[in-house]
Amino acid sequence: MKRPLASAALVWVLSLLAACASVPLPDREGVVLYRKKCGACHRPYAPQEIRAAGWEKTFGEMRNRARLTPAEIDEIRRYLEPDLAPSHGSAPPAS
């Protein structure tokens, strides 16, 4: 009886660890600034981990905290935008 329970617990723990693993950051222009500014105090989130509206809120909150200049905000925004899926707040393309 203990063996199936232990196996189930192990599977659950491994599943939980896999779900908590961070998504790798895209390697393109802006990644160095993004890691420097956004990774100084916390793990830098991959663009697809937060909805577009959430990123807008984050820019507002982090502008002062991370001491972001308008140019840095623009660069980070350009870095994030390619990976924001339509389901993350962008309007569908016009037909």
Foldseek 3Di string as FASTA:
>chain_A
DVVVVVVVVVVVVVVVVVVPDADDEDPDQLPVLQCVQVVPVHNRHHLQVAAPVRVVVVCVVCCVVSVDDPVNVVRNCVRNPVPHDVVRPNPDDDD
